[in-house]
Protein backbone atom coordinates (compact mmCIF):
# COMPACT_ATOMS: atom_id res chain seq x y z
CA UNK A 1 18.31 59.30 -26.85
CA UNK A 2 20.24 56.04 -26.44
CA UNK A 3 17.73 54.55 -24.02
CA UNK A 4 15.13 52.30 -25.64
CA UNK A 5 12.64 53.09 -22.85
CA UNK A 6 11.98 56.45 -24.52
CA UNK A 7 11.63 55.09 -28.05
CA UNK A 8 7.99 54.06 -27.74
CA UNK A 9 5.71 55.97 -30.11
CA UNK A 10 3.06 55.81 -27.37
CA UNK A 11 5.24 57.50 -24.73
CA UNK A 12 3.30 60.10 -22.77
CA UNK A 13 4.21 62.63 -20.12
CA UNK A 14 1.84 63.05 -17.18
CA UNK A 15 2.04 66.48 -15.57
CA UNK A 16 0.50 66.82 -12.11
CA UNK A 17 -0.85 70.35 -11.75
CA UNK A 18 -4.00 70.22 -9.64
CA UNK A 19 -2.75 72.16 -6.62
CA UNK A 20 -3.49 75.74 -5.64
CA UNK A 21 -0.18 76.73 -4.06
CA UNK A 22 -1.66 78.34 -0.98
CA UNK A 23 1.74 79.03 0.54
CA UNK A 24 2.71 81.30 -2.35
CA UNK A 25 0.57 84.26 -1.44
CA UNK A 26 -0.69 86.54 -2.81
CA UNK A 27 0.05 85.00 -6.22
CA UNK A 28 -2.07 81.89 -5.82
CA UNK A 29 -5.33 83.56 -4.78
CA UNK A 30 -6.51 83.82 -8.38
CA UNK A 31 -3.80 81.84 -10.12
CA UNK A 32 -2.97 78.14 -9.78
CA UNK A 33 0.64 77.59 -8.77
CA UNK A 34 1.67 76.16 -12.14
CA UNK A 35 0.47 79.32 -13.88
CA UNK A 36 2.56 81.74 -11.81
CA UNK A 37 4.82 83.51 -14.28
CA UNK A 38 8.59 83.75 -14.32
CA UNK A 39 9.74 86.27 -16.92
CA UNK A 40 6.33 86.32 -18.64
CA UNK A 41 6.07 82.55 -18.88
CA UNK A 42 4.22 80.26 -16.47
CA UNK A 43 6.03 77.60 -14.49
CA UNK A 44 4.09 75.01 -16.48
CA UNK A 45 5.56 76.32 -19.73
CA UNK A 46 9.11 75.60 -18.62
CA UNK A 47 8.12 72.09 -17.58
CA UNK A 48 6.48 71.36 -20.92
CA UNK A 49 9.53 72.70 -22.77
CA UNK A 50 11.82 70.34 -20.86
CA UNK A 51 9.85 67.14 -21.42
CA UNK A 52 8.84 67.98 -24.98
CA UNK A 53 12.25 66.67 -26.03
CA UNK A 54 10.98 63.15 -25.27
CA UNK A 55 7.34 63.30 -26.34
CA UNK A 56 4.70 65.59 -27.80
CA UNK A 57 1.88 63.76 -26.00
CA UNK A 58 0.94 65.16 -22.60
CA UNK A 59 -1.75 64.41 -20.04
CA UNK A 60 -2.44 67.10 -17.45
CA UNK A 61 -4.03 66.24 -14.12
CA UNK A 62 -5.81 69.47 -13.25
CA UNK A 63 -7.86 70.78 -10.37
CA UNK A 64 -7.70 74.27 -8.87
CA UNK A 65 -8.57 76.98 -11.45
CA UNK A 66 -8.29 74.29 -14.12
CA UNK A 67 -9.69 76.59 -16.82
CA UNK A 68 -6.50 78.68 -16.77
CA UNK A 69 -4.32 75.63 -17.28
CA UNK A 70 -6.49 74.23 -20.04
CA UNK A 71 -6.64 77.54 -21.92
CA UNK A 72 -2.87 77.97 -21.77
CA UNK A 73 -2.04 74.43 -22.84
CA UNK A 74 -4.56 74.41 -25.69
CA UNK A 75 -2.64 77.26 -27.31
CA UNK A 76 0.58 75.24 -27.41
CA UNK A 77 1.73 72.99 -30.29
CA UNK A 78 1.40 69.75 -28.30
CA UNK A 79 -1.10 66.91 -28.08
CA UNK A 80 -2.87 67.37 -24.76
CA UNK A 81 -5.52 65.63 -22.71
CA UNK A 82 -6.88 66.70 -19.33
CA UNK A 83 -8.26 64.81 -16.36
CA UNK A 84 -9.53 66.38 -13.16
CA UNK A 85 -8.42 65.25 -9.72
CA UNK A 86 -11.50 65.96 -7.62
CA UNK A 87 -9.64 65.98 -4.30
CA UNK A 88 -5.93 66.45 -3.67
CA UNK A 89 -4.98 63.02 -2.34
CA UNK A 90 -1.42 62.74 -3.58
CA UNK A 91 0.53 61.51 -6.58
CA UNK A 92 -0.72 57.92 -6.50
CA UNK A 93 -4.33 59.10 -6.47
CA UNK A 94 -3.64 61.51 -9.33
CA UNK A 95 -2.14 58.66 -11.37
CA UNK A 96 -5.23 56.52 -10.90
CA UNK A 97 -7.11 59.01 -13.09
CA UNK A 98 -4.88 58.38 -16.11
CA UNK A 99 -4.85 54.58 -16.14
CA UNK A 100 -7.12 54.33 -19.17
CA UNK A 101 -5.18 57.00 -21.06
CA UNK A 102 -1.77 55.30 -21.14
CA UNK A 103 -0.86 52.09 -22.89
CA UNK A 104 2.89 51.88 -22.60
CA UNK A 105 5.75 53.59 -20.79
CA UNK A 106 4.99 57.02 -19.39
CA UNK A 107 6.76 59.84 -17.58
CA UNK A 108 5.27 61.44 -14.46
CA UNK A 109 6.42 64.91 -13.39
CA UNK A 110 5.33 67.48 -10.84
CA UNK A 111 3.97 70.71 -12.26
CA UNK A 112 5.49 73.01 -9.66
CA UNK A 113 9.23 72.44 -10.02
CA UNK A 114 11.85 74.31 -12.03
CA UNK A 115 15.08 72.64 -13.12
CA UNK A 116 17.96 72.90 -15.50
CA UNK A 117 20.18 69.91 -16.18
CA UNK A 118 20.22 66.40 -17.54
CA UNK A 119 19.32 62.93 -16.34
CA UNK A 120 21.65 59.95 -16.57
CA UNK A 121 19.21 57.24 -17.61
CA UNK A 122 20.19 53.58 -17.16
CA UNK A 123 20.24 51.88 -20.55
CA UNK A 124 18.36 48.84 -19.22
CA UNK A 125 15.68 50.79 -17.35
CA UNK A 126 12.30 49.10 -17.08
CA UNK A 127 10.90 51.50 -14.51
CA UNK A 128 12.71 54.21 -12.58
CA UNK A 129 12.67 57.34 -10.45
CA UNK A 130 14.61 60.59 -10.48
CA UNK A 131 17.35 60.84 -7.86
CA UNK A 132 19.79 63.62 -7.00
CA UNK A 133 22.67 63.91 -4.57
CA UNK A 134 22.54 66.65 -1.94
CA UNK A 135 24.34 67.61 1.24
CA UNK A 136 21.14 69.22 2.54
CA UNK A 137 19.75 66.73 5.05
CA UNK A 138 16.60 68.78 5.57
CA UNK A 139 15.94 68.62 1.86
CA UNK A 140 15.90 64.83 2.02
CA UNK A 141 13.74 64.86 5.14
CA UNK A 142 11.23 67.04 3.36
CA UNK A 143 11.05 64.76 0.34
CA UNK A 144 11.99 61.08 0.35
CA UNK A 145 15.15 59.11 0.87
CA UNK A 146 16.53 56.54 -1.53
CA UNK A 147 18.79 53.55 -0.94
CA UNK A 148 20.50 51.69 -3.78
CA UNK A 149 22.05 48.25 -3.97
CA UNK A 150 23.66 46.82 -7.10
CA UNK A 151 22.40 49.80 -9.15
CA UNK A 152 18.77 49.08 -8.21
CA UNK A 153 16.55 50.99 -5.80
CA UNK A 154 16.13 48.82 -2.71
CA UNK A 155 14.34 51.23 -0.36
CA UNK A 156 12.43 54.51 -0.43
CA UNK A 157 11.09 56.32 2.64
CA UNK A 158 8.69 59.26 2.58
CA UNK A 159 9.88 62.17 4.74
CA UNK A 160 12.43 60.09 6.66
CA UNK A 161 13.28 60.98 10.24
CA UNK A 162 16.74 59.48 9.80
CA UNK A 163 18.89 60.19 6.75
CA UNK A 164 21.33 57.42 5.84
CA UNK A 165 23.02 58.84 2.71
CA UNK A 166 23.07 61.83 0.35
CA UNK A 167 20.39 60.58 -2.04
CA UNK A 168 17.15 62.51 -2.39
CA UNK A 169 14.18 61.20 -4.34
CA UNK A 170 12.65 63.62 -6.85
CA UNK A 171 9.22 64.12 -8.35
CA UNK A 172 10.14 62.38 -11.61
CA UNK A 173 8.89 58.87 -12.26
CA UNK A 174 9.36 56.56 -15.24
CA UNK A 175 6.63 53.95 -15.07
CA UNK A 176 4.79 51.40 -17.13
CA UNK A 177 1.25 50.15 -16.54
CA UNK A 178 2.31 47.75 -13.81
CA UNK A 179 2.29 50.65 -11.37
CA UNK A 180 -1.52 50.76 -11.41
CA UNK A 181 -1.72 47.23 -10.01
CA UNK A 182 0.34 48.33 -7.02
CA UNK A 183 -1.59 51.56 -6.50
CA UNK A 184 -4.74 49.47 -6.08
CA UNK A 185 -3.25 47.28 -3.35
CA UNK A 186 -1.33 49.96 -1.41
CA UNK A 187 -2.99 51.10 1.81
CA UNK A 188 -3.22 54.75 2.90
CA UNK A 189 -0.28 55.83 5.06
CA UNK A 190 -0.39 56.95 8.66
CA UNK A 191 1.58 60.03 7.62
CA UNK A 192 -1.17 61.73 5.61
CA UNK A 193 -3.88 59.11 5.27
CA UNK A 194 -3.33 58.95 1.53
CA UNK A 195 -1.72 56.40 -0.74
CA UNK A 196 1.89 57.57 -0.89
CA UNK A 197 3.67 57.05 -4.19
CA UNK A 198 6.73 56.02 -2.18
CA UNK A 199 4.71 53.24 -0.52
CA UNK A 200 3.59 52.13 -3.97
CA UNK A 201 7.20 52.06 -5.17
CA UNK A 202 8.33 50.15 -2.07
CA UNK A 203 5.60 47.57 -2.65
CA UNK A 204 6.86 47.20 -6.21
CA UNK A 205 10.41 46.69 -4.97
CA UNK A 206 9.30 44.15 -2.37
CA UNK A 207 7.43 42.24 -5.08
CA UNK A 208 10.56 41.98 -7.22
CA UNK A 209 10.05 44.85 -9.64
CA UNK A 210 13.35 46.45 -10.63
CA UNK A 211 13.24 50.21 -10.11
CA UNK A 212 16.31 51.99 -11.43
CA UNK A 213 17.70 55.37 -10.34
CA UNK A 214 17.97 58.11 -12.95
CA UNK A 215 20.50 60.55 -11.52
CA UNK A 216 19.90 64.22 -12.19
CA UNK A 217 22.88 66.46 -12.85
CA UNK A 218 21.85 70.07 -12.54
CA UNK A 219 19.87 72.52 -10.44
CA UNK A 220 16.37 71.95 -9.13
CA UNK A 221 13.82 73.97 -7.16
CA UNK A 222 10.51 72.72 -5.80
CA UNK A 223 8.52 75.96 -5.77
CA UNK A 224 6.75 76.22 -2.43
CA UNK A 225 7.30 79.71 -1.01
CA UNK A 226 7.39 83.20 -2.56
CA UNK A 227 11.19 83.39 -2.37
CA UNK A 228 11.39 80.27 -4.56
CA UNK A 229 10.12 82.30 -7.51
CA UNK A 230 13.23 84.51 -7.32
CA UNK A 231 15.46 81.46 -6.97
CA UNK A 232 13.85 79.87 -10.03
CA UNK A 233 14.42 83.02 -12.06
CA UNK A 234 18.10 82.98 -11.15
CA UNK A 235 18.33 79.30 -12.03
CA UNK A 236 16.67 79.67 -15.42
CA UNK A 237 18.51 82.77 -16.52
CA UNK A 238 21.89 82.25 -14.86
CA UNK A 239 21.54 85.33 -12.71
CA UNK A 240 23.87 85.91 -9.77
């Protein structure tokens, strides 16, 4: 890794896996979404394998059926800590639970996505977010839009009504402890009455923090519906 951001011995990866996955029925009735298996391995296992290349220290934000997640992770050869998100109030709320557990740069990833590919990390990254290009406008509208000026993120909009380019924000964040200061001062949104991580990031940008885009080259699926399990299997195992 030629990016000094990842060289910290204290680097940790935060995996957000508190949700139940109600839309993936009947799988999620007794199984949290992250523990749904693809070829005899839970979604969470693929995520850990990907980010284990950068760090062996993980923090899992758990919630629904947390015992299953904890039991699985404790049998893996990684250093793991667990915190419970009492209510599902979004990414920013989930991050507030880990403030005392990180001391340097840290990665934040969603626990319900499957991907294969590589990031192009800026060498001078201080903080950043994952970004991918897509021609699917509805995909951007369902996630968040990203605008870039002079290689720096200048605007992010949660679930935009108007799409201005082909850039879609992803559930990958490369933060340092400054983010917690902004979480504390960001007000709940009208959209969902929760503190949106995109609002936090925009407040950081407006305050002069430099947020860099890390472009993802590869395939990515946010697992939401039953058919996404089949798509993820094809992605992982190069099936037609």
